[in-house]
Amino acid sequence: MTITEKKMNVIVIPARMDSKRLPGKPLADVNGKPLLQWTYDAAIKVGTDLIIVTAPDKEIEEYCEKHDVPFELTDNDIPNGTVRCARALIKRFGEDFGVRIRRIINWQVDEPVVDPTYVWRLLLPSNDIYTLVASDCHADTRGSKTTRVIVNESWNMCHWFTRHPVPGADLHCGIYSFSWNTLTRILEMKTTKKSELESLEQLTWLEHQFNIVPIRIHQLPLSINTQEDLDAFRILTR
């Protein structure tokens, strides 16, 4: 790369049809447009250099080809969305792609309501991992499906993530940003026991001593994980 070449900011949207709580979620119709398209349209508003959808499913590949959405087919046995993002970029651009990358955002397909202004704030040039968190203002109405994050306020670092209610914990929104160096190191990590127990990939990163920095948002947006969430999103977008 020459000194005059610009490094890119990239958004990758990992998706799969085999969702345990809501099968077929990415292509679920929401007022005439699939959920995947709602998320992709929101990502466009961030203004990054590239957006790629990645999935192991031919149905999603066919949809993306038909609607001119950049797509990369990835294997079915990939353990989580972050690894899927990395594999998609390597498959598309090769192992040396990182020299052209400034920042990579992992924007989960089930987060179509996130304000793109907040996502733009994740584009910070460091080796830290950044993610979105919100104060728990609705503790009595949120179920166990919402991931909690314990933030060390003195250091402005995420200390721990859990699916269990914790007094004083914040709520986590599943969008992250990484440097290419950080993302490739995550590819080499073995999943830790605590991460497996909670089914939270972030715990592996923390146990390998990565810094996860919270970017605060004013309210946790609706995340589409269940049929109830999908119905609520349909009402929201009428």
C-alpha atoms as a PDB file:
ATOM      1  CA  MET A   1       0.000   0.000   0.000  1.00  0.00           C
ATOM      2  CA  THR A   2       1.385   3.415  -0.922  1.00  0.00           C
ATOM      3  CA  ILE A   3       1.303   6.362   1.459  1.00  0.00           C
ATOM      4  CA  THR A   4      -1.471   7.979  -0.563  1.00  0.00           C
ATOM      5  CA  GLU A   5      -3.858   5.001  -0.386  1.00  0.00           C
ATOM      6  CA  LYS A   6      -6.723   5.367   2.037  1.00  0.00           C
ATOM      7  CA  LYS A   7      -7.367   2.675   4.622  1.00  0.00           C
ATOM      8  CA  MET A   8     -10.922   1.383   4.561  1.00  0.00           C
ATOM      9  CA  ASN A   9     -13.608   1.106   7.196  1.00  0.00           C
ATOM     10  CA  VAL A  10     -15.663  -2.027   6.592  1.00  0.00           C
ATOM     11  CA  ILE A  11     -18.981  -3.288   7.955  1.00  0.00           C
ATOM     12  CA  VAL A  12     -19.601  -7.027   7.848  1.00  0.00           C
ATOM     13  CA  ILE A  13     -23.110  -8.356   8.563  1.00  0.00           C
ATOM     14  CA  PRO A  14     -22.982 -12.036   9.606  1.00  0.00           C
ATOM     15  CA  ALA A  15     -26.211 -13.972   9.211  1.00  0.00           C
ATOM     16  CA  ARG A  16     -27.544 -17.528   9.100  1.00  0.00           C
ATOM     17  CA  MET A  17     -30.922 -19.101   8.528  1.00  0.00           C
ATOM     18  CA  ASP A  18     -30.472 -21.689  11.295  1.00  0.00           C
ATOM     19  CA  SER A  19     -31.340 -19.425  14.213  1.00  0.00           C
ATOM     20  CA  LYS A  20     -32.382 -21.488  17.238  1.00  0.00           C
ATOM     21  CA  ARG A  21     -34.967 -19.030  18.554  1.00  0.00           C
ATOM     22  CA  LEU A  22     -36.190 -17.690  15.214  1.00  0.00           C
ATOM     23  CA  PRO A  23     -35.430 -19.984  12.246  1.00  0.00           C
ATOM     24  CA  GLY A  24     -35.126 -18.160   8.924  1.00  0.00           C
ATOM     25  CA  LYS A  25     -34.661 -14.828  10.703  1.00  0.00           C
ATOM     26  CA  PRO A  26     -32.510 -12.977   8.093  1.00  0.00           C
ATOM     27  CA  LEU A  27     -35.112 -13.367   5.359  1.00  0.00           C
ATOM     28  CA  ALA A  28     -38.182 -12.937   7.571  1.00  0.00           C
ATOM     29  CA  ASP A  29     -40.526 -10.461   5.911  1.00  0.00           C
ATOM     30  CA  VAL A  30     -41.000  -7.117   7.659  1.00  0.00           C
ATOM     31  CA  ASN A  31     -43.577  -5.029   5.827  1.00  0.00           C
ATOM     32  CA  GLY A  32     -42.414  -6.123   2.386  1.00  0.00           C
ATOM     33  CA  LYS A  33     -38.669  -6.185   3.088  1.00  0.00           C
ATOM     34  CA  PRO A  34     -36.586  -8.929   4.755  1.00  0.00           C
ATOM     35  CA  LEU A  35     -34.882  -8.253   8.063  1.00  0.00           C
ATOM     36  CA  LEU A  36     -31.486  -8.547   6.391  1.00  0.00           C
ATOM     37  CA  GLN A  37     -32.320  -5.666   4.060  1.00  0.00           C
ATOM     38  CA  TRP A  38     -33.441  -3.462   6.964  1.00  0.00           C
ATOM     39  CA  THR A  39     -30.077  -4.014   8.660  1.00  0.00           C
ATOM     40  CA  TYR A  40     -28.117  -3.482   5.445  1.00  0.00           C
ATOM     41  CA  ASP A  41     -29.988  -0.234   4.733  1.00  0.00           C
ATOM     42  CA  ALA A  42     -29.187   1.008   8.252  1.00  0.00           C
ATOM     43  CA  ALA A  43     -25.509   0.120   7.774  1.00  0.00           C
ATOM     44  CA  ILE A  44     -25.341   2.157   4.561  1.00  0.00           C
ATOM     45  CA  LYS A  45     -26.092   5.293   6.589  1.00  0.00           C
ATOM     46  CA  VAL A  46     -22.823   4.944   8.537  1.00  0.00           C
ATOM     47  CA  GLY A  47     -20.882   5.876   5.413  1.00  0.00           C
ATOM     48  CA  THR A  48     -18.150   3.212   5.492  1.00  0.00           C
ATOM     49  CA  ASP A  49     -16.173   2.229   2.419  1.00  0.00           C
ATOM     50  CA  LEU A  50     -17.610  -1.268   2.131  1.00  0.00           C
ATOM     51  CA  ILE A  51     -20.479  -3.396   3.494  1.00  0.00           C
ATOM     52  CA  ILE A  52     -20.508  -7.179   3.094  1.00  0.00           C
ATOM     53  CA  VAL A  53     -23.124  -9.717   4.118  1.00  0.00           C
ATOM     54  CA  THR A  54     -21.788 -13.177   4.962  1.00  0.00           C
ATOM     55  CA  ALA A  55     -23.692 -16.401   5.602  1.00  0.00           C
ATOM     56  CA  PRO A  56     -23.517 -20.171   4.998  1.00  0.00           C
ATOM     57  CA  ASP A  57     -26.915 -20.254   3.317  1.00  0.00           C
ATOM     58  CA  LYS A  58     -27.683 -20.388  -0.403  1.00  0.00           C
ATOM     59  CA  GLU A  59     -31.031 -18.648   0.199  1.00  0.00           C
ATOM     60  CA  ILE A  60     -29.245 -15.584   1.569  1.00  0.00           C
ATOM     61  CA  GLU A  61     -26.656 -15.712  -1.218  1.00  0.00           C
ATOM     62  CA  GLU A  62     -29.417 -15.782  -3.843  1.00  0.00           C
ATOM     63  CA  TYR A  63     -31.218 -12.861  -2.228  1.00  0.00           C
ATOM     64  CA  CYS A  64     -28.041 -10.759  -2.070  1.00  0.00           C
ATOM     65  CA  GLU A  65     -27.135 -11.493  -5.700  1.00  0.00           C
ATOM     66  CA  LYS A  66     -30.631 -10.539  -6.820  1.00  0.00           C
ATOM     67  CA  HIS A  67     -30.578  -7.245  -4.885  1.00  0.00           C
ATOM     68  CA  ASP A  68     -26.941  -6.215  -5.524  1.00  0.00           C
ATOM     69  CA  VAL A  69     -25.878  -6.680  -1.902  1.00  0.00           C
ATOM     70  CA  PRO A  70     -22.164  -7.618  -1.613  1.00  0.00           C
ATOM     71  CA  PHE A  71     -22.018 -11.163  -0.257  1.00  0.00           C
ATOM     72  CA  GLU A  72     -19.484 -13.794   0.774  1.00  0.00           C
ATOM     73  CA  LEU A  73     -20.444 -17.429   1.347  1.00  0.00           C
ATOM     74  CA  THR A  74     -18.817 -18.872   4.492  1.00  0.00           C
ATOM     75  CA  ASP A  75     -18.818 -22.346   6.040  1.00  0.00           C
ATOM     76  CA  ASN A  76     -21.695 -23.619   8.140  1.00  0.00           C
ATOM     77  CA  ASP A  77     -19.529 -24.773  11.061  1.00  0.00           C
ATOM     78  CA  ILE A  78     -18.093 -21.364  11.988  1.00  0.00           C
ATOM     79  CA  PRO A  79     -18.582 -20.909  15.759  1.00  0.00           C
ATOM     80  CA  ASN A  80     -19.741 -17.283  15.956  1.00  0.00           C
ATOM     81  CA  GLY A  81     -20.417 -14.075  14.072  1.00  0.00           C
ATOM     82  CA  THR A  82     -17.027 -12.480  14.678  1.00  0.00           C
ATOM     83  CA  VAL A  83     -15.100 -15.420  13.261  1.00  0.00           C
ATOM     84  CA  ARG A  84     -17.535 -15.465  10.328  1.00  0.00           C
ATOM     85  CA  CYS A  85     -16.711 -11.794   9.635  1.00  0.00           C
ATOM     86  CA  ALA A  86     -12.989 -12.523   9.596  1.00  0.00           C
ATOM     87  CA  ARG A  87     -13.352 -15.589   7.369  1.00  0.00           C
ATOM     88  CA  ALA A  88     -15.483 -13.633   4.908  1.00  0.00           C
ATOM     89  CA  LEU A  89     -12.883 -10.874   4.585  1.00  0.00           C
ATOM     90  CA  ILE A  90     -10.008 -13.328   4.170  1.00  0.00           C
ATOM     91  CA  LYS A  91     -11.935 -15.287   1.547  1.00  0.00           C
ATOM     92  CA  ARG A  92     -12.771 -12.123  -0.371  1.00  0.00           C
ATOM     93  CA  PHE A  93      -9.451 -10.277  -0.162  1.00  0.00           C
ATOM     94  CA  GLY A  94      -6.767 -12.686   1.066  1.00  0.00           C
ATOM     95  CA  GLU A  95      -4.621 -12.881   4.188  1.00  0.00           C
ATOM     96  CA  ASP A  96      -2.836  -9.576   3.466  1.00  0.00           C
ATOM     97  CA  PHE A  97      -6.057  -7.582   3.315  1.00  0.00           C
ATOM     98  CA  GLY A  98      -5.335  -6.067   6.734  1.00  0.00           C
ATOM     99  CA  VAL A  99      -2.819  -3.537   5.414  1.00  0.00           C
ATOM    100  CA  ARG A 100      -5.743  -1.771   3.721  1.00  0.00           C
ATOM    101  CA  ILE A 101      -8.068  -1.821   6.760  1.00  0.00           C
ATOM    102  CA  ARG A 102      -8.600   0.903   9.327  1.00  0.00           C
ATOM    103  CA  ARG A 103     -11.553  -0.576  11.198  1.00  0.00           C
ATOM    104  CA  ILE A 104     -13.968  -3.519  10.888  1.00  0.00           C
ATOM    105  CA  ILE A 105     -17.487  -3.428  12.317  1.00  0.00           C
ATOM    106  CA  ASN A 106     -19.378  -6.616  13.089  1.00  0.00           C
ATOM    107  CA  TRP A 107     -23.039  -5.581  12.775  1.00  0.00           C
ATOM    108  CA  GLN A 108     -25.310  -8.477  13.705  1.00  0.00           C
ATOM    109  CA  VAL A 109     -28.237  -9.022  11.334  1.00  0.00           C
ATOM    110  CA  ASP A 110     -30.701  -8.901  14.251  1.00  0.00           C
ATOM    111  CA  GLU A 111     -29.835  -5.273  15.105  1.00  0.00           C
ATOM    112  CA  PRO A 112     -31.695  -3.247  12.419  1.00  0.00           C
ATOM    113  CA  VAL A 113     -32.834  -0.486  14.783  1.00  0.00           C
ATOM    114  CA  VAL A 114     -29.425   0.717  15.984  1.00  0.00           C
ATOM    115  CA  ASP A 115     -28.823   4.388  15.268  1.00  0.00           C
ATOM    116  CA  PRO A 116     -26.043   4.596  12.613  1.00  0.00           C
ATOM    117  CA  THR A 117     -24.672   7.665  14.414  1.00  0.00           C
ATOM    118  CA  TYR A 118     -23.680   5.443  17.338  1.00  0.00           C
ATOM    119  CA  VAL A 119     -22.128   2.852  15.039  1.00  0.00           C
ATOM    120  CA  TRP A 120     -20.013   5.580  13.455  1.00  0.00           C
ATOM    121  CA  ARG A 121     -18.557   6.250  16.925  1.00  0.00           C
ATOM    122  CA  LEU A 122     -17.079   2.745  16.918  1.00  0.00           C
ATOM    123  CA  LEU A 123     -14.644   3.739  14.151  1.00  0.00           C
ATOM    124  CA  LEU A 124     -11.774   4.579  16.478  1.00  0.00           C
ATOM    125  CA  PRO A 125      -8.205   3.805  15.308  1.00  0.00           C
ATOM    126  CA  SER A 126      -6.844   1.513  18.034  1.00  0.00           C
ATOM    127  CA  ASN A 127      -6.293  -2.171  18.759  1.00  0.00           C
ATOM    128  CA  ASP A 128      -9.038  -2.155  21.354  1.00  0.00           C
ATOM    129  CA  ILE A 129     -12.441  -3.709  20.759  1.00  0.00           C
ATOM    130  CA  TYR A 130     -15.360  -1.272  20.950  1.00  0.00           C
ATOM    131  CA  THR A 131     -18.994  -2.132  21.580  1.00  0.00           C
ATOM    132  CA  LEU A 132     -22.294  -0.412  22.403  1.00  0.00           C
ATOM    133  CA  VAL A 133     -23.857  -0.406  25.880  1.00  0.00           C
ATOM    134  CA  ALA A 134     -26.911   1.254  27.405  1.00  0.00           C
ATOM    135  CA  SER A 135     -27.991   1.934  30.978  1.00  0.00           C
ATOM    136  CA  ASP A 136     -30.494  -0.593  32.333  1.00  0.00           C
ATOM    137  CA  CYS A 137     -33.532   1.683  32.528  1.00  0.00           C
ATOM    138  CA  HIS A 138     -35.995  -1.144  31.898  1.00  0.00           C
ATOM    139  CA  ALA A 139     -34.746  -3.831  34.277  1.00  0.00           C
ATOM    140  CA  ASP A 140     -38.233  -5.075  35.132  1.00  0.00           C
ATOM    141  CA  THR A 141     -39.302  -5.638  31.516  1.00  0.00           C
ATOM    142  CA  ARG A 142     -36.153  -7.198  30.032  1.00  0.00           C
ATOM    143  CA  GLY A 143     -35.826 -10.978  29.968  1.00  0.00           C
ATOM    144  CA  SER A 144     -32.775 -13.187  30.245  1.00  0.00           C
ATOM    145  CA  LYS A 145     -32.239 -12.905  26.470  1.00  0.00           C
ATOM    146  CA  THR A 146     -30.633  -9.487  27.032  1.00  0.00           C
ATOM    147  CA  THR A 147     -26.907  -9.683  27.701  1.00  0.00           C
ATOM    148  CA  ARG A 148     -25.672  -7.663  30.648  1.00  0.00           C
ATOM    149  CA  VAL A 149     -22.273  -5.987  30.749  1.00  0.00           C
ATOM    150  CA  ILE A 150     -20.428  -4.946  33.891  1.00  0.00           C
ATOM    151  CA  VAL A 151     -18.427  -1.809  33.157  1.00  0.00           C
ATOM    152  CA  ASN A 152     -15.448  -0.679  35.209  1.00  0.00           C
ATOM    153  CA  GLU A 153     -16.305   3.019  35.282  1.00  0.00           C
ATOM    154  CA  SER A 154     -12.891   4.091  36.574  1.00  0.00           C
ATOM    155  CA  TRP A 155     -11.123   2.570  33.577  1.00  0.00           C
ATOM    156  CA  ASN A 156     -14.038   2.820  31.109  1.00  0.00           C
ATOM    157  CA  MET A 157     -13.623  -0.850  30.242  1.00  0.00           C
ATOM    158  CA  CYS A 158     -16.056  -3.756  30.005  1.00  0.00           C
ATOM    159  CA  HIS A 159     -15.195  -6.025  32.916  1.00  0.00           C
ATOM    160  CA  TRP A 160     -17.576  -8.941  32.239  1.00  0.00           C
ATOM    161  CA  PHE A 161     -20.609 -10.057  30.214  1.00  0.00           C
ATOM    162  CA  THR A 162     -23.400 -12.338  31.369  1.00  0.00           C
ATOM    163  CA  ARG A 163     -26.923 -13.423  30.465  1.00  0.00           C
ATOM    164  CA  HIS A 164     -27.944 -13.273  34.125  1.00  0.00           C
ATOM    165  CA  PRO A 165     -29.391 -10.202  35.892  1.00  0.00           C
ATOM    166  CA  VAL A 166     -26.687  -8.351  37.833  1.00  0.00           C
ATOM    167  CA  PRO A 167     -27.487  -5.282  39.980  1.00  0.00           C
ATOM    168  CA  GLY A 168     -25.922  -2.187  38.471  1.00  0.00           C
ATOM    169  CA  ALA A 169     -25.006  -3.859  35.172  1.00  0.00           C
ATOM    170  CA  ASP A 170     -25.625  -2.185  31.819  1.00  0.00           C
ATOM    171  CA  LEU A 171     -27.316  -3.688  28.765  1.00  0.00           C
ATOM    172  CA  HIS A 172     -25.272  -4.811  25.780  1.00  0.00           C
ATOM    173  CA  CYS A 173     -25.976  -4.173  22.092  1.00  0.00           C
ATOM    174  CA  GLY A 174     -24.341  -6.766  19.818  1.00  0.00           C
ATOM    175  CA  ILE A 175     -22.291  -4.552  17.517  1.00  0.00           C
ATOM    176  CA  TYR A 176     -18.486  -4.444  17.731  1.00  0.00           C
ATOM    177  CA  SER A 177     -15.523  -2.874  15.989  1.00  0.00           C
ATOM    178  CA  PHE A 178     -12.009  -4.270  15.661  1.00  0.00           C
ATOM    179  CA  SER A 179      -8.662  -3.516  14.122  1.00  0.00           C
ATOM    180  CA  TRP A 180      -7.555  -6.149  11.625  1.00  0.00           C
ATOM    181  CA  ASN A 181      -4.736  -7.141  13.983  1.00  0.00           C
ATOM    182  CA  THR A 182      -7.208  -7.796  16.790  1.00  0.00           C
ATOM    183  CA  LEU A 183      -9.591  -9.723  14.548  1.00  0.00           C
ATOM    184  CA  THR A 184      -6.881 -12.045  13.234  1.00  0.00           C
ATOM    185  CA  ARG A 185      -5.708 -12.744  16.789  1.00  0.00           C
ATOM    186  CA  ILE A 186      -9.275 -13.667  17.764  1.00  0.00           C
ATOM    187  CA  LEU A 187      -9.228 -16.248  14.953  1.00  0.00           C
ATOM    188  CA  GLU A 188      -6.391 -18.063  16.723  1.00  0.00           C
ATOM    189  CA  MET A 189      -8.087 -18.228  20.141  1.00  0.00           C
ATOM    190  CA  LYS A 190      -9.624 -21.310  21.684  1.00  0.00           C
ATOM    191  CA  THR A 191     -13.041 -20.746  23.210  1.00  0.00           C
ATOM    192  CA  THR A 192     -12.830 -20.637  27.008  1.00  0.00           C
ATOM    193  CA  LYS A 193     -15.048 -22.668  29.344  1.00  0.00           C
ATOM    194  CA  LYS A 194     -16.790 -19.579  30.716  1.00  0.00           C
ATOM    195  CA  SER A 195     -17.512 -18.401  27.193  1.00  0.00           C
ATOM    196  CA  GLU A 196     -19.053 -21.778  26.341  1.00  0.00           C
ATOM    197  CA  LEU A 197     -21.178 -21.819  29.508  1.00  0.00           C
ATOM    198  CA  GLU A 198     -22.670 -18.378  28.803  1.00  0.00           C
ATOM    199  CA  SER A 199     -22.561 -18.750  25.004  1.00  0.00           C
ATOM    200  CA  LEU A 200     -20.907 -15.323  24.847  1.00  0.00           C
ATOM    201  CA  GLU A 201     -17.856 -14.960  22.617  1.00  0.00           C
ATOM    202  CA  GLN A 202     -16.807 -11.749  24.393  1.00  0.00           C
ATOM    203  CA  LEU A 203     -15.751 -13.729  27.460  1.00  0.00           C
ATOM    204  CA  THR A 204     -13.046 -15.478  25.440  1.00  0.00           C
ATOM    205  CA  TRP A 205     -11.668 -12.089  24.418  1.00  0.00           C
ATOM    206  CA  LEU A 206     -11.650 -10.825  27.988  1.00  0.00           C
ATOM    207  CA  GLU A 207      -9.974 -13.972  29.288  1.00  0.00           C
ATOM    208  CA  HIS A 208      -7.270 -13.454  26.678  1.00  0.00           C
ATOM    209  CA  GLN A 209      -6.806  -9.941  28.100  1.00  0.00           C
ATOM    210  CA  PHE A 210      -8.256  -7.888  25.272  1.00  0.00           C
ATOM    211  CA  ASN A 211      -9.662  -4.483  26.176  1.00  0.00           C
ATOM    212  CA  ILE A 212     -13.340  -4.044  25.309  1.00  0.00           C
ATOM    213  CA  VAL A 213     -14.267  -0.363  25.468  1.00  0.00           C
ATOM    214  CA  PRO A 214     -17.934   0.639  25.907  1.00  0.00           C
ATOM    215  CA  ILE A 215     -19.516   3.316  23.740  1.00  0.00           C
ATOM    216  CA  ARG A 216     -22.671   4.498  25.485  1.00  0.00           C
ATOM    217  CA  ILE A 217     -26.013   4.847  23.739  1.00  0.00           C
ATOM    218  CA  HIS A 218     -29.080   6.495  25.256  1.00  0.00           C
ATOM    219  CA  GLN A 219     -31.321   3.408  25.080  1.00  0.00           C
ATOM    220  CA  LEU A 220     -31.008  -0.242  24.121  1.00  0.00           C
ATOM    221  CA  PRO A 221     -32.649  -0.703  20.695  1.00  0.00           C
ATOM    222  CA  LEU A 222     -34.956  -3.564  19.849  1.00  0.00           C
ATOM    223  CA  SER A 223     -32.973  -6.669  18.915  1.00  0.00           C
ATOM    224  CA  ILE A 224     -34.749  -9.307  16.824  1.00  0.00           C
ATOM    225  CA  ASN A 225     -34.252 -12.635  18.586  1.00  0.00           C
ATOM    226  CA  THR A 226     -37.738 -14.113  18.901  1.00  0.00           C
ATOM    227  CA  GLN A 227     -41.079 -14.100  17.110  1.00  0.00           C
ATOM    228  CA  GLU A 228     -42.269 -11.557  19.656  1.00  0.00           C
ATOM    229  CA  ASP A 229     -39.388  -9.242  18.724  1.00  0.00           C
ATOM    230  CA  LEU A 230     -40.129  -9.684  15.030  1.00  0.00           C
ATOM    231  CA  ASP A 231     -43.797  -8.800  15.553  1.00  0.00           C
ATOM    232  CA  ALA A 232     -42.771  -5.707  17.536  1.00  0.00           C
ATOM    233  CA  PHE A 233     -40.428  -4.643  14.721  1.00  0.00           C
ATOM    234  CA  ARG A 234     -43.219  -5.022  12.176  1.00  0.00           C
ATOM    235  CA  ILE A 235     -45.380  -2.680  14.250  1.00  0.00           C
ATOM    236  CA  LEU A 236     -42.468  -0.236  14.650  1.00  0.00           C
ATOM    237  CA  THR A 237     -41.870  -0.040  10.891  1.00  0.00           C
ATOM    238  CA  ARG A 238     -45.446   0.253   9.640  1.00  0.00           C
END
